[in-house]
PDB file of N, CA and C in Angstrom:
ATOM      1  N   MET A   1     115.514 135.750  72.107  1.00  0.00           N
ATOM      2  CA  MET A   1     115.394 135.825  73.438  1.00  0.00           C
ATOM      3  C   MET A   1     114.290 134.718  73.763  1.00  0.00           C
ATOM      4  N   LEU A   2     113.292 134.645  72.909  1.00  0.00           N
ATOM      5  CA  LEU A   2     112.461 133.413  73.115  1.00  0.00           C
ATOM      6  C   LEU A   2     112.764 132.106  73.062  1.00  0.00           C
ATOM      7  N   ALA A   3     113.989 131.895  72.303  1.00  0.00           N
ATOM      8  CA  ALA A   3     114.502 130.611  72.252  1.00  0.00           C
ATOM      9  C   ALA A   3     115.494 130.363  73.471  1.00  0.00           C
ATOM     10  N   ALA A   4     115.949 131.352  74.101  1.00  0.00           N
ATOM     11  CA  ALA A   4     116.880 131.130  75.228  1.00  0.00           C
ATOM     12  C   ALA A   4     116.053 130.679  76.280  1.00  0.00           C
ATOM     13  N   LEU A   5     114.532 131.500  76.547  1.00  0.00           N
ATOM     14  CA  LEU A   5     113.725 131.016  77.520  1.00  0.00           C
ATOM     15  C   LEU A   5     113.307 129.748  77.325  1.00  0.00           C
ATOM     16  N   SER A   6     112.879 129.133  76.111  1.00  0.00           N
ATOM     17  CA  SER A   6     112.539 127.758  75.787  1.00  0.00           C
ATOM     18  C   SER A   6     113.686 126.748  76.218  1.00  0.00           C
ATOM     19  N   ILE A   7     114.901 127.142  76.104  1.00  0.00           N
ATOM     20  CA  ILE A   7     115.999 126.252  76.656  1.00  0.00           C
ATOM     21  C   ILE A   7     116.048 126.050  77.971  1.00  0.00           C
ATOM     22  N   ALA A   8     115.975 127.387  78.585  1.00  0.00           N
ATOM     23  CA  ALA A   8     115.962 127.402  79.944  1.00  0.00           C
ATOM     24  C   ALA A   8     114.954 126.552  80.531  1.00  0.00           C
ATOM     25  N   LEU A   9     113.632 126.613  80.237  1.00  0.00           N
ATOM     26  CA  LEU A   9     112.591 125.846  80.987  1.00  0.00           C
ATOM     27  C   LEU A   9     112.483 124.349  80.629  1.00  0.00           C
ATOM     28  N   ALA A  10     113.263 124.131  79.246  1.00  0.00           N
ATOM     29  CA  ALA A  10     113.423 122.656  78.960  1.00  0.00           C
ATOM     30  C   ALA A  10     114.676 122.183  80.100  1.00  0.00           C
ATOM     31  N   VAL A  11     115.629 122.900  80.237  1.00  0.00           N
ATOM     32  CA  VAL A  11     116.669 122.241  81.322  1.00  0.00           C
ATOM     33  C   VAL A  11     116.139 122.289  82.646  1.00  0.00           C
ATOM     34  N   THR A  12     115.186 123.231  83.217  1.00  0.00           N
ATOM     35  CA  THR A  12     114.690 123.096  84.358  1.00  0.00           C
ATOM     36  C   THR A  12     113.571 121.988  84.416  1.00  0.00           C
ATOM     37  N   ALA A  13     112.906 121.617  83.548  1.00  0.00           N
ATOM     38  CA  ALA A  13     111.988 120.583  83.489  1.00  0.00           C
ATOM     39  C   ALA A  13     112.630 119.187  83.667  1.00  0.00           C
ATOM     40  N   CYS A  14     113.935 118.971  82.849  1.00  0.00           N
ATOM     41  CA  CYS A  14     114.533 117.767  82.944  1.00  0.00           C
ATOM     42  C   CYS A  14     115.183 117.515  84.317  1.00  0.00           C
ATOM     43  N   GLY A  15     115.545 118.775  84.809  1.00  0.00           N
ATOM     44  CA  GLY A  15     116.090 118.418  86.285  1.00  0.00           C
ATOM     45  C   GLY A  15     115.142 118.047  87.346  1.00  0.00           C
ATOM     46  N   GLY A  16     113.757 117.743  86.872  1.00  0.00           N
ATOM     47  CA  GLY A  16     112.967 117.585  88.062  1.00  0.00           C
ATOM     48  C   GLY A  16     113.085 116.093  88.651  1.00  0.00           C
ATOM     49  N   ASP A  17     113.750 115.063  87.794  1.00  0.00           N
ATOM     50  CA  ASP A  17     113.795 113.883  88.173  1.00  0.00           C
ATOM     51  C   ASP A  17     115.144 113.606  89.196  1.00  0.00           C
ATOM     52  N   ASP A  18     115.922 114.596  89.532  1.00  0.00           N
ATOM     53  CA  ASP A  18     116.805 114.358  90.494  1.00  0.00           C
ATOM     54  C   ASP A  18     116.514 115.044  91.677  1.00  0.00           C
ATOM     55  N   ASP A  19     115.930 114.382  92.724  1.00  0.00           N
ATOM     56  CA  ASP A  19     115.409 115.249  93.849  1.00  0.00           C
ATOM     57  C   ASP A  19     116.515 114.732  94.753  1.00  0.00           C
ATOM     58  N   THR A  20     117.421 115.900  95.182  1.00  0.00           N
ATOM     59  CA  THR A  20     118.217 115.678  96.154  1.00  0.00           C
ATOM     60  C   THR A  20     117.851 116.344  97.366  1.00  0.00           C
ATOM     61  N   THR A  21     116.783 117.072  97.615  1.00  0.00           N
ATOM     62  CA  THR A  21     116.457 117.969  98.686  1.00  0.00           C
ATOM     63  C   THR A  21     115.869 116.987  99.646  1.00  0.00           C
ATOM     64  N   SER A  22     115.871 115.616  99.458  1.00  0.00           N
ATOM     65  CA  SER A  22     115.224 114.754 100.504  1.00  0.00           C
ATOM     66  C   SER A  22     116.232 113.765 100.815  1.00  0.00           C
ATOM     67  N   GLU A  23     117.540 114.191 100.429  1.00  0.00           N
ATOM     68  CA  GLU A  23     118.517 113.033 100.687  1.00  0.00           C
ATOM     69  C   GLU A  23     119.302 113.470 101.924  1.00  0.00           C
ATOM     70  N   VAL A  24     119.442 112.345 102.889  1.00  0.00           N
ATOM     71  CA  VAL A  24     120.212 112.580 104.236  1.00  0.00           C
ATOM     72  C   VAL A  24     121.809 112.566 103.585  1.00  0.00           C
ATOM     73  N   VAL A  25     122.360 113.694 104.186  1.00  0.00           N
ATOM     74  CA  VAL A  25     123.862 113.608 103.920  1.00  0.00           C
ATOM     75  C   VAL A  25     124.644 113.622 105.207  1.00  0.00           C
ATOM     76  N   PRO A  26     125.585 112.652 105.466  1.00  0.00           N
ATOM     77  CA  PRO A  26     126.359 112.459 106.699  1.00  0.00           C
ATOM     78  C   PRO A  26     126.920 113.783 107.205  1.00  0.00           C
ATOM     79  N   GLY A  27     126.654 114.183 108.481  1.00  0.00           N
ATOM     80  CA  GLY A  27     127.057 115.184 109.171  1.00  0.00           C
ATOM     81  C   GLY A  27     126.286 116.249 109.012  1.00  0.00           C
ATOM     82  N   GLN A  28     125.162 116.169 108.467  1.00  0.00           N
ATOM     83  CA  GLN A  28     124.348 117.375 108.314  1.00  0.00           C
ATOM     84  C   GLN A  28     122.903 117.019 108.595  1.00  0.00           C
ATOM     85  N   THR A  29     121.977 117.865 108.928  1.00  0.00           N
ATOM     86  CA  THR A  29     120.534 117.746 109.145  1.00  0.00           C
ATOM     87  C   THR A  29     119.822 117.950 108.010  1.00  0.00           C
ATOM     88  N   LEU A  30     118.822 117.207 107.910  1.00  0.00           N
ATOM     89  CA  LEU A  30     117.602 117.466 106.824  1.00  0.00           C
ATOM     90  C   LEU A  30     116.375 117.779 107.383  1.00  0.00           C
ATOM     91  N   ARG A  31     115.831 118.912 107.120  1.00  0.00           N
ATOM     92  CA  ARG A  31     114.499 119.448 107.501  1.00  0.00           C
ATOM     93  C   ARG A  31     113.523 119.093 106.220  1.00  0.00           C
ATOM     94  N   LEU A  32     112.389 118.383 106.609  1.00  0.00           N
ATOM     95  CA  LEU A  32     111.617 117.826 105.572  1.00  0.00           C
ATOM     96  C   LEU A  32     110.180 117.933 105.891  1.00  0.00           C
ATOM     97  N   SER A  33     109.157 118.457 105.263  1.00  0.00           N
ATOM     98  CA  SER A  33     107.898 118.424 105.598  1.00  0.00           C
ATOM     99  C   SER A  33     107.223 117.132 105.170  1.00  0.00           C
ATOM    100  N   SER A  34     106.223 116.601 105.867  1.00  0.00           N
ATOM    101  CA  SER A  34     105.564 115.306 105.623  1.00  0.00           C
ATOM    102  C   SER A  34     104.918 115.505 104.278  1.00  0.00           C
ATOM    103  N   THR A  35     104.498 114.473 103.700  1.00  0.00           N
ATOM    104  CA  THR A  35     103.598 114.597 102.484  1.00  0.00           C
ATOM    105  C   THR A  35     102.392 115.322 102.511  1.00  0.00           C
ATOM    106  N   GLY A  36     101.777 115.057 103.647  1.00  0.00           N
ATOM    107  CA  GLY A  36     100.374 115.887 104.002  1.00  0.00           C
ATOM    108  C   GLY A  36     100.623 117.400 104.495  1.00  0.00           C
ATOM    109  N   GLY A  37     101.859 117.889 104.968  1.00  0.00           N
ATOM    110  CA  GLY A  37     102.179 118.957 105.525  1.00  0.00           C
ATOM    111  C   GLY A  37     101.752 119.186 106.748  1.00  0.00           C
ATOM    112  N   LEU A  38     101.426 118.053 107.663  1.00  0.00           N
ATOM    113  CA  LEU A  38     100.909 118.146 109.032  1.00  0.00           C
ATOM    114  C   LEU A  38     102.273 118.414 110.046  1.00  0.00           C
ATOM    115  N   THR A  39     103.574 118.046 109.539  1.00  0.00           N
ATOM    116  CA  THR A  39     104.353 117.800 110.615  1.00  0.00           C
ATOM    117  C   THR A  39     105.706 118.045 109.636  1.00  0.00           C
ATOM    118  N   VAL A  40     106.875 118.351 110.495  1.00  0.00           N
ATOM    119  CA  VAL A  40     108.062 118.653 109.781  1.00  0.00           C
ATOM    120  C   VAL A  40     109.091 117.748 110.503  1.00  0.00           C
ATOM    121  N   GLY A  41     109.854 117.125 109.788  1.00  0.00           N
ATOM    122  CA  GLY A  41     110.920 116.232 110.576  1.00  0.00           C
ATOM    123  C   GLY A  41     112.246 116.944 110.172  1.00  0.00           C
ATOM    124  N   THR A  42     112.854 116.558 111.351  1.00  0.00           N
ATOM    125  CA  THR A  42     114.675 117.113 111.336  1.00  0.00           C
ATOM    126  C   THR A  42     115.264 115.619 111.436  1.00  0.00           C
ATOM    127  N   ILE A  43     115.995 115.184 110.341  1.00  0.00           N
ATOM    128  CA  ILE A  43     116.543 113.975 110.345  1.00  0.00           C
ATOM    129  C   ILE A  43     117.931 114.188 110.075  1.00  0.00           C
ATOM    130  N   ARG A  44     118.606 113.335 110.836  1.00  0.00           N
ATOM    131  CA  ARG A  44     120.202 113.112 110.954  1.00  0.00           C
ATOM    132  C   ARG A  44     120.745 111.633 111.004  1.00  0.00           C
ATOM    133  N   LEU A  45     121.722 111.438 110.331  1.00  0.00           N
ATOM    134  CA  LEU A  45     122.380 109.982 110.422  1.00  0.00           C
ATOM    135  C   LEU A  45     123.149 110.012 111.670  1.00  0.00           C
ATOM    136  N   ASP A  46     122.981 108.664 112.344  1.00  0.00           N
ATOM    137  CA  ASP A  46     123.778 108.395 113.568  1.00  0.00           C
ATOM    138  C   ASP A  46     124.937 107.911 113.118  1.00  0.00           C
ATOM    139  N   GLY A  47     126.047 108.449 112.733  1.00  0.00           N
ATOM    140  CA  GLY A  47     127.305 108.068 112.325  1.00  0.00           C
ATOM    141  C   GLY A  47     127.922 108.634 111.070  1.00  0.00           C
ATOM    142  N   ALA A  48     129.205 108.445 110.734  1.00  0.00           N
ATOM    143  CA  ALA A  48     129.939 109.110 109.908  1.00  0.00           C
ATOM    144  C   ALA A  48     129.751 108.918 108.245  1.00  0.00           C
ATOM    145  N   GLN A  49     128.946 107.931 108.102  1.00  0.00           N
ATOM    146  CA  GLN A  49     128.680 107.564 106.700  1.00  0.00           C
ATOM    147  C   GLN A  49     127.408 106.694 106.647  1.00  0.00           C
ATOM    148  N   ILE A  50     126.797 106.846 105.374  1.00  0.00           N
ATOM    149  CA  ILE A  50     125.731 105.726 105.250  1.00  0.00           C
ATOM    150  C   ILE A  50     126.280 104.622 104.726  1.00  0.00           C
ATOM    151  N   ASN A  51     125.701 103.522 105.305  1.00  0.00           N
ATOM    152  CA  ASN A  51     126.493 102.094 105.087  1.00  0.00           C
ATOM    153  C   ASN A  51     125.765 101.006 104.184  1.00  0.00           C
ATOM    154  N   ARG A  52     126.386 100.287 103.398  1.00  0.00           N
ATOM    155  CA  ARG A  52     125.638  99.191 103.057  1.00  0.00           C
ATOM    156  C   ARG A  52     125.511  98.253 104.071  1.00  0.00           C
ATOM    157  N   GLY A  53     124.327  97.770 104.664  1.00  0.00           N
ATOM    158  CA  GLY A  53     123.790  97.062 105.811  1.00  0.00           C
ATOM    159  C   GLY A  53     123.230  98.047 106.806  1.00  0.00           C
ATOM    160  N   PRO A  54     123.368  97.725 108.176  1.00  0.00           N
ATOM    161  CA  PRO A  54     122.396  98.750 109.059  1.00  0.00           C
ATOM    162  C   PRO A  54     122.806 100.188 109.303  1.00  0.00           C
ATOM    163  N   ASN A  55     121.867 101.099 109.155  1.00  0.00           N
ATOM    164  CA  ASN A  55     121.948 102.354 109.691  1.00  0.00           C
ATOM    165  C   ASN A  55     120.896 102.757 110.538  1.00  0.00           C
ATOM    166  N   VAL A  56     121.316 103.844 111.351  1.00  0.00           N
ATOM    167  CA  VAL A  56     120.396 104.341 112.362  1.00  0.00           C
ATOM    168  C   VAL A  56     120.300 105.969 112.022  1.00  0.00           C
ATOM    169  N   PHE A  57     118.936 106.457 112.065  1.00  0.00           N
ATOM    170  CA  PHE A  57     118.681 107.739 111.656  1.00  0.00           C
ATOM    171  C   PHE A  57     117.900 108.271 112.956  1.00  0.00           C
ATOM    172  N   HIS A  58     118.049 109.430 113.241  1.00  0.00           N
ATOM    173  CA  HIS A  58     117.352 110.344 114.491  1.00  0.00           C
ATOM    174  C   HIS A  58     116.224 111.221 113.700  1.00  0.00           C
ATOM    175  N   VAL A  59     115.105 111.300 114.062  1.00  0.00           N
ATOM    176  CA  VAL A  59     114.100 112.112 113.442  1.00  0.00           C
ATOM    177  C   VAL A  59     113.173 112.822 114.616  1.00  0.00           C
ATOM    178  N   ASP A  60     113.480 114.112 114.753  1.00  0.00           N
ATOM    179  CA  ASP A  60     112.539 114.899 115.739  1.00  0.00           C
ATOM    180  C   ASP A  60     111.451 115.698 114.828  1.00  0.00           C
ATOM    181  N   PHE A  61     110.509 115.832 115.486  1.00  0.00           N
ATOM    182  CA  PHE A  61     109.231 116.273 114.720  1.00  0.00           C
ATOM    183  C   PHE A  61     108.605 117.831 115.378  1.00  0.00           C
ATOM    184  N   GLU A  62     108.163 118.367 114.686  1.00  0.00           N
ATOM    185  CA  GLU A  62     107.230 119.506 114.952  1.00  0.00           C
ATOM    186  C   GLU A  62     105.973 119.511 114.363  1.00  0.00           C
ATOM    187  N   PRO A  63     104.951 119.045 114.957  1.00  0.00           N
ATOM    188  CA  PRO A  63     104.676 119.108 116.461  1.00  0.00           C
ATOM    189  C   PRO A  63     105.203 118.041 117.165  1.00  0.00           C
ATOM    190  N   THR A  64     105.501 118.117 118.162  1.00  0.00           N
ATOM    191  CA  THR A  64     106.357 117.043 119.087  1.00  0.00           C
ATOM    192  C   THR A  64     105.369 115.692 119.387  1.00  0.00           C
ATOM    193  N   THR A  65     104.066 116.128 119.084  1.00  0.00           N
ATOM    194  CA  THR A  65     102.989 114.899 119.312  1.00  0.00           C
ATOM    195  C   THR A  65     103.009 113.880 118.285  1.00  0.00           C
ATOM    196  N   THR A  66     103.765 114.179 117.132  1.00  0.00           N
ATOM    197  CA  THR A  66     103.902 113.412 116.077  1.00  0.00           C
ATOM    198  C   THR A  66     104.168 111.928 116.420  1.00  0.00           C
ATOM    199  N   GLU A  67     103.612 110.844 115.891  1.00  0.00           N
ATOM    200  CA  GLU A  67     103.872 109.376 116.359  1.00  0.00           C
ATOM    201  C   GLU A  67     104.158 108.821 114.897  1.00  0.00           C
ATOM    202  N   VAL A  68     105.252 107.938 115.092  1.00  0.00           N
ATOM    203  CA  VAL A  68     105.594 106.978 114.069  1.00  0.00           C
ATOM    204  C   VAL A  68     105.055 105.716 114.271  1.00  0.00           C
ATOM    205  N   ARG A  69     104.022 105.429 113.259  1.00  0.00           N
ATOM    206  CA  ARG A  69     103.317 104.084 113.488  1.00  0.00           C
ATOM    207  C   ARG A  69     104.263 102.903 112.957  1.00  0.00           C
ATOM    208  N   SER A  70     104.952 103.167 111.841  1.00  0.00           N
ATOM    209  CA  SER A  70     105.596 101.966 111.288  1.00  0.00           C
ATOM    210  C   SER A  70     106.918 102.911 110.240  1.00  0.00           C
ATOM    211  N   ALA A  71     107.767 101.883 109.930  1.00  0.00           N
ATOM    212  CA  ALA A  71     108.812 102.388 109.177  1.00  0.00           C
ATOM    213  C   ALA A  71     109.149 101.356 108.181  1.00  0.00           C
ATOM    214  N   SER A  72     109.547 101.631 107.021  1.00  0.00           N
ATOM    215  CA  SER A  72     110.128 100.589 105.837  1.00  0.00           C
ATOM    216  C   SER A  72     111.125 101.466 105.105  1.00  0.00           C
ATOM    217  N   THR A  73     111.671 100.328 104.332  1.00  0.00           N
ATOM    218  CA  THR A  73     112.775 100.915 103.307  1.00  0.00           C
ATOM    219  C   THR A  73     112.208 100.240 101.829  1.00  0.00           C
ATOM    220  N   LEU A  74     112.625 100.956 100.911  1.00  0.00           N
ATOM    221  CA  LEU A  74     112.243 100.623  99.384  1.00  0.00           C
ATOM    222  C   LEU A  74     113.441 101.243  98.768  1.00  0.00           C
ATOM    223  N   MET A  75     113.794 100.505  97.696  1.00  0.00           N
ATOM    224  CA  MET A  75     114.890 100.769  96.579  1.00  0.00           C
ATOM    225  C   MET A  75     114.098 100.962  95.515  1.00  0.00           C
ATOM    226  N   PRO A  76     113.780 102.186  95.095  1.00  0.00           N
ATOM    227  CA  PRO A  76     112.582 102.247  94.087  1.00  0.00           C
ATOM    228  C   PRO A  76     113.388 101.638  92.550  1.00  0.00           C
ATOM    229  N   ALA A  77     114.591 101.746  92.329  1.00  0.00           N
ATOM    230  CA  ALA A  77     115.027 101.339  91.179  1.00  0.00           C
ATOM    231  C   ALA A  77     114.850  99.819  90.976  1.00  0.00           C
ATOM    232  N   HIS A  78     114.804  99.035  92.054  1.00  0.00           N
ATOM    233  CA  HIS A  78     114.634  97.762  91.874  1.00  0.00           C
ATOM    234  C   HIS A  78     113.130  97.359  92.495  1.00  0.00           C
ATOM    235  N   GLY A  79     112.515  98.196  93.110  1.00  0.00           N
ATOM    236  CA  GLY A  79     111.354  97.758  93.599  1.00  0.00           C
ATOM    237  C   GLY A  79     111.107  96.907  94.658  1.00  0.00           C
ATOM    238  N   HIS A  80     112.177  96.752  95.546  1.00  0.00           N
ATOM    239  CA  HIS A  80     112.140  96.094  96.737  1.00  0.00           C
ATOM    240  C   HIS A  80     112.626  96.832  97.988  1.00  0.00           C
ATOM    241  N   GLY A  81     112.154  96.091  99.065  1.00  0.00           N
ATOM    242  CA  GLY A  81     112.886  96.679 100.459  1.00  0.00           C
ATOM    243  C   GLY A  81     113.780  95.724 101.078  1.00  0.00           C
ATOM    244  N   SER A  82     113.684  96.139 102.294  1.00  0.00           N
ATOM    245  CA  SER A  82     114.683  95.263 103.188  1.00  0.00           C
ATOM    246  C   SER A  82     113.752  94.908 104.273  1.00  0.00           C
ATOM    247  N   ILE A  83     114.529  94.464 105.444  1.00  0.00           N
ATOM    248  CA  ILE A  83     113.888  94.209 106.641  1.00  0.00           C
ATOM    249  C   ILE A  83     113.096  95.535 107.404  1.00  0.00           C
ATOM    250  N   GLU A  84     112.147  95.377 108.117  1.00  0.00           N
ATOM    251  CA  GLU A  84     111.387  96.555 108.956  1.00  0.00           C
ATOM    252  C   GLU A  84     112.444  97.065 109.730  1.00  0.00           C
ATOM    253  N   PRO A  85     112.727  98.333 109.758  1.00  0.00           N
ATOM    254  CA  PRO A  85     113.503  99.076 110.920  1.00  0.00           C
ATOM    255  C   PRO A  85     112.786  99.089 112.200  1.00  0.00           C
ATOM    256  N   SER A  86     113.670  99.185 113.276  1.00  0.00           N
ATOM    257  CA  SER A  86     113.025  99.341 114.632  1.00  0.00           C
ATOM    258  C   SER A  86     113.045 100.585 115.024  1.00  0.00           C
ATOM    259  N   LEU A  87     111.834 101.070 115.678  1.00  0.00           N
ATOM    260  CA  LEU A  87     111.580 102.276 116.301  1.00  0.00           C
ATOM    261  C   LEU A  87     111.493 102.451 117.735  1.00  0.00           C
ATOM    262  N   ALA A  88     112.002 103.529 118.152  1.00  0.00           N
ATOM    263  CA  ALA A  88     112.107 103.688 119.690  1.00  0.00           C
ATOM    264  C   ALA A  88     111.765 105.292 119.743  1.00  0.00           C
ATOM    265  N   ARG A  89     111.047 105.709 120.768  1.00  0.00           N
ATOM    266  CA  ARG A  89     110.992 107.110 121.144  1.00  0.00           C
ATOM    267  C   ARG A  89     112.194 107.652 121.449  1.00  0.00           C
ATOM    268  N   ASP A  90     112.595 108.872 120.994  1.00  0.00           N
ATOM    269  CA  ASP A  90     113.828 109.264 121.603  1.00  0.00           C
ATOM    270  C   ASP A  90     113.605 110.935 121.700  1.00  0.00           C
ATOM    271  N   GLY A  91     113.631 111.562 122.935  1.00  0.00           N
ATOM    272  CA  GLY A  91     113.264 112.799 123.090  1.00  0.00           C
ATOM    273  C   GLY A  91     111.931 113.318 122.216  1.00  0.00           C
ATOM    274  N   ASP A  92     112.069 114.448 121.533  1.00  0.00           N
ATOM    275  CA  ASP A  92     111.000 114.886 120.687  1.00  0.00           C
ATOM    276  C   ASP A  92     110.774 114.057 119.447  1.00  0.00           C
ATOM    277  N   GLY A  93     111.384 112.978 119.296  1.00  0.00           N
ATOM    278  CA  GLY A  93     111.129 112.266 118.135  1.00  0.00           C
ATOM    279  C   GLY A  93     111.552 110.655 118.156  1.00  0.00           C
ATOM    280  N   TYR A  94     112.111 110.074 117.257  1.00  0.00           N
ATOM    281  CA  TYR A  94     112.297 108.705 117.352  1.00  0.00           C
ATOM    282  C   TYR A  94     113.691 108.359 116.812  1.00  0.00           C
ATOM    283  N   ARG A  95     114.035 107.219 117.312  1.00  0.00           N
ATOM    284  CA  ARG A  95     115.464 106.701 116.617  1.00  0.00           C
ATOM    285  C   ARG A  95     114.927 105.471 115.599  1.00  0.00           C
ATOM    286  N   ILE A  96     115.182 105.532 114.470  1.00  0.00           N
ATOM    287  CA  ILE A  96     114.914 104.526 113.469  1.00  0.00           C
ATOM    288  C   ILE A  96     116.493 103.754 113.241  1.00  0.00           C
ATOM    289  N   SER A  97     116.265 102.390 113.829  1.00  0.00           N
ATOM    290  CA  SER A  97     117.486 101.556 113.946  1.00  0.00           C
ATOM    291  C   SER A  97     117.183 100.480 112.737  1.00  0.00           C
ATOM    292  N   ASP A  98     118.313  99.731 112.501  1.00  0.00           N
ATOM    293  CA  ASP A  98     118.278  98.662 111.735  1.00  0.00           C
ATOM    294  C   ASP A  98     117.563  99.071 110.181  1.00  0.00           C
ATOM    295  N   CYS A  99     117.986 100.225 109.770  1.00  0.00           N
ATOM    296  CA  CYS A  99     117.601 100.477 108.313  1.00  0.00           C
ATOM    297  C   CYS A  99     118.526  99.941 107.332  1.00  0.00           C
ATOM    298  N   VAL A 100     118.361  98.801 107.044  1.00  0.00           N
ATOM    299  CA  VAL A 100     119.167  97.867 106.355  1.00  0.00           C
ATOM    300  C   VAL A 100     119.027  98.230 104.837  1.00  0.00           C
ATOM    301  N   PHE A 101     119.986  98.601 104.053  1.00  0.00           N
ATOM    302  CA  PHE A 101     120.391  98.879 102.842  1.00  0.00           C
ATOM    303  C   PHE A 101     121.048  97.859 102.161  1.00  0.00           C
ATOM    304  N   SER A 102     120.685  96.738 101.733  1.00  0.00           N
ATOM    305  CA  SER A 102     121.294  95.650 101.313  1.00  0.00           C
ATOM    306  C   SER A 102     122.128  95.500 100.230  1.00  0.00           C
ATOM    307  N   MET A 103     121.963  96.636  99.316  1.00  0.00           N
ATOM    308  CA  MET A 103     122.856  96.850  98.170  1.00  0.00           C
ATOM    309  C   MET A 103     123.007  98.343  97.748  1.00  0.00           C
ATOM    310  N   PRO A 104     124.226  98.550  97.047  1.00  0.00           N
ATOM    311  CA  PRO A 104     124.472 100.133  96.683  1.00  0.00           C
ATOM    312  C   PRO A 104     123.265 100.741  95.945  1.00  0.00           C
ATOM    313  N   GLY A 105     123.149 101.847  96.100  1.00  0.00           N
ATOM    314  CA  GLY A 105     122.164 102.883  95.397  1.00  0.00           C
ATOM    315  C   GLY A 105     121.262 103.528  96.310  1.00  0.00           C
ATOM    316  N   LEU A 106     120.477 104.302  95.593  1.00  0.00           N
ATOM    317  CA  LEU A 106     119.335 105.320  96.358  1.00  0.00           C
ATOM    318  C   LEU A 106     118.287 104.509  96.907  1.00  0.00           C
ATOM    319  N   TRP A 107     118.064 104.646  98.181  1.00  0.00           N
ATOM    320  CA  TRP A 107     117.075 104.067  99.098  1.00  0.00           C
ATOM    321  C   TRP A 107     115.979 105.176  99.537  1.00  0.00           C
ATOM    322  N   GLU A 108     114.923 104.687  99.760  1.00  0.00           N
ATOM    323  CA  GLU A 108     113.856 105.489 100.609  1.00  0.00           C
ATOM    324  C   GLU A 108     113.596 104.987 101.854  1.00  0.00           C
ATOM    325  N   VAL A 109     113.521 105.809 103.033  1.00  0.00           N
ATOM    326  CA  VAL A 109     112.804 105.382 104.265  1.00  0.00           C
ATOM    327  C   VAL A 109     111.708 105.994 104.542  1.00  0.00           C
ATOM    328  N   ARG A 110     110.531 105.166 104.597  1.00  0.00           N
ATOM    329  CA  ARG A 110     109.331 105.797 104.701  1.00  0.00           C
ATOM    330  C   ARG A 110     108.573 105.548 106.286  1.00  0.00           C
ATOM    331  N   LEU A 111     108.367 106.638 106.761  1.00  0.00           N
ATOM    332  CA  LEU A 111     107.637 106.705 107.926  1.00  0.00           C
ATOM    333  C   LEU A 111     106.337 106.923 108.176  1.00  0.00           C
ATOM    334  N   GLU A 112     105.443 106.002 108.397  1.00  0.00           N
ATOM    335  CA  GLU A 112     103.997 106.185 108.445  1.00  0.00           C
ATOM    336  C   GLU A 112     103.694 106.931 109.916  1.00  0.00           C
ATOM    337  N   LEU A 113     102.998 107.988 109.604  1.00  0.00           N
ATOM    338  CA  LEU A 113     102.814 108.818 110.931  1.00  0.00           C
ATOM    339  C   LEU A 113     101.311 109.013 111.238  1.00  0.00           C
ATOM    340  N   ALA A 114     101.173 109.468 112.525  1.00  0.00           N
ATOM    341  CA  ALA A 114      99.978 109.907 113.017  1.00  0.00           C
ATOM    342  C   ALA A 114     100.028 111.281 113.777  1.00  0.00           C
ATOM    343  N   ILE A 115      99.289 112.369 113.387  1.00  0.00           N
ATOM    344  CA  ILE A 115      99.463 113.514 114.059  1.00  0.00           C
ATOM    345  C   ILE A 115      98.070 114.031 114.534  1.00  0.00           C
ATOM    346  N   ASP A 116      97.710 113.843 115.724  1.00  0.00           N
ATOM    347  CA  ASP A 116      96.436 113.912 116.206  1.00  0.00           C
ATOM    348  C   ASP A 116      95.389 113.419 115.585  1.00  0.00           C
ATOM    349  N   GLY A 117      95.599 112.137 115.359  1.00  0.00           N
ATOM    350  CA  GLY A 117      94.741 110.984 114.811  1.00  0.00           C
ATOM    351  C   GLY A 117      94.748 111.128 113.446  1.00  0.00           C
ATOM    352  N   ARG A 118      95.379 112.167 112.764  1.00  0.00           N
ATOM    353  CA  ARG A 118      95.389 112.266 111.246  1.00  0.00           C
ATOM    354  C   ARG A 118      96.740 111.522 110.602  1.00  0.00           C
ATOM    355  N   ALA A 119      96.391 110.620 109.458  1.00  0.00           N
ATOM    356  CA  ALA A 119      97.614 109.897 108.926  1.00  0.00           C
ATOM    357  C   ALA A 119      98.481 110.843 108.061  1.00  0.00           C
ATOM    358  N   ASP A 120      99.634 110.643 108.014  1.00  0.00           N
ATOM    359  CA  ASP A 120     100.517 111.294 107.104  1.00  0.00           C
ATOM    360  C   ASP A 120     101.697 110.539 106.871  1.00  0.00           C
ATOM    361  N   ARG A 121     102.765 110.994 106.120  1.00  0.00           N
ATOM    362  CA  ARG A 121     103.974 110.064 105.788  1.00  0.00           C
ATOM    363  C   ARG A 121     104.971 111.100 105.616  1.00  0.00           C
ATOM    364  N   LEU A 122     106.163 110.774 106.047  1.00  0.00           N
ATOM    365  CA  LEU A 122     107.475 111.558 105.763  1.00  0.00           C
ATOM    366  C   LEU A 122     108.581 110.317 105.241  1.00  0.00           C
ATOM    367  N   VAL A 123     109.035 110.819 104.034  1.00  0.00           N
ATOM    368  CA  VAL A 123     109.886 109.929 103.137  1.00  0.00           C
ATOM    369  C   VAL A 123     111.077 110.629 102.936  1.00  0.00           C
ATOM    370  N   PHE A 124     112.570 109.953 103.163  1.00  0.00           N
ATOM    371  CA  PHE A 124     113.509 110.620 102.960  1.00  0.00           C
ATOM    372  C   PHE A 124     114.628 109.620 102.206  1.00  0.00           C
ATOM    373  N   ASN A 125     115.557 110.039 101.695  1.00  0.00           N
ATOM    374  CA  ASN A 125     116.368 109.317 100.760  1.00  0.00           C
ATOM    375  C   ASN A 125     117.860 109.040 101.369  1.00  0.00           C
ATOM    376  N   ALA A 126     118.425 108.097 101.136  1.00  0.00           N
ATOM    377  CA  ALA A 126     119.649 107.701 101.659  1.00  0.00           C
ATOM    378  C   ALA A 126     120.505 107.158 100.404  1.00  0.00           C
ATOM    379  N   ASP A 127     121.723 107.448 100.197  1.00  0.00           N
ATOM    380  CA  ASP A 127     122.450 106.611  98.838  1.00  0.00           C
ATOM    381  C   ASP A 127     123.442 105.837  99.524  1.00  0.00           C
ATOM    382  N   ALA A 128     123.434 104.607  99.428  1.00  0.00           N
ATOM    383  CA  ALA A 128     124.282 103.373  99.976  1.00  0.00           C
ATOM    384  C   ALA A 128     125.278 103.377  99.035  1.00  0.00           C
ATOM    385  N   PRO A 129     126.620 103.156  99.506  1.00  0.00           N
ATOM    386  CA  PRO A 129     127.845 102.957  98.688  1.00  0.00           C
ATOM    387  C   PRO A 129     127.749 101.619  97.990  1.00  0.00           C
TER     388      PRO A 129
END
C-alpha cells in the first residue's frame, strides 16, 4: 500500500508542470484570480478560435474598480513577446485587442493591474495553432 501511495504522489507531482487551468478555450469563459488575490477576472476570447496573428480577449473584473495599467504577451518557451496589445474599457472590464501570437505554441497574456491603488497581475494562457 505504501508503494502505491508513493507512485500516486510521484505522478501527481510530475503533473504540476502542465497548468491548463489558466488557459483560455474558445467558446468558454475562464475565471481566474490575480496573482495577489485582489481581483478575479472572467476572460473570454472574441472569436471562434485562437489565431496565429491578432486576437481579442474580453476581461471583466470583480471588483469592477480594477484598472488594467498595461498588457503584454510572452512566449515562455522562447523567451520573447510580441507587440503591446491595445486596451479599451468595456463595461465592467476591458477589451484587450491586438494580442499578436506570431508563432504556434503556448503564449501568456500578462495584465498589470491596479486595485484601489494596489498593484497586482493577472496572467492567462492561449495556445496558438
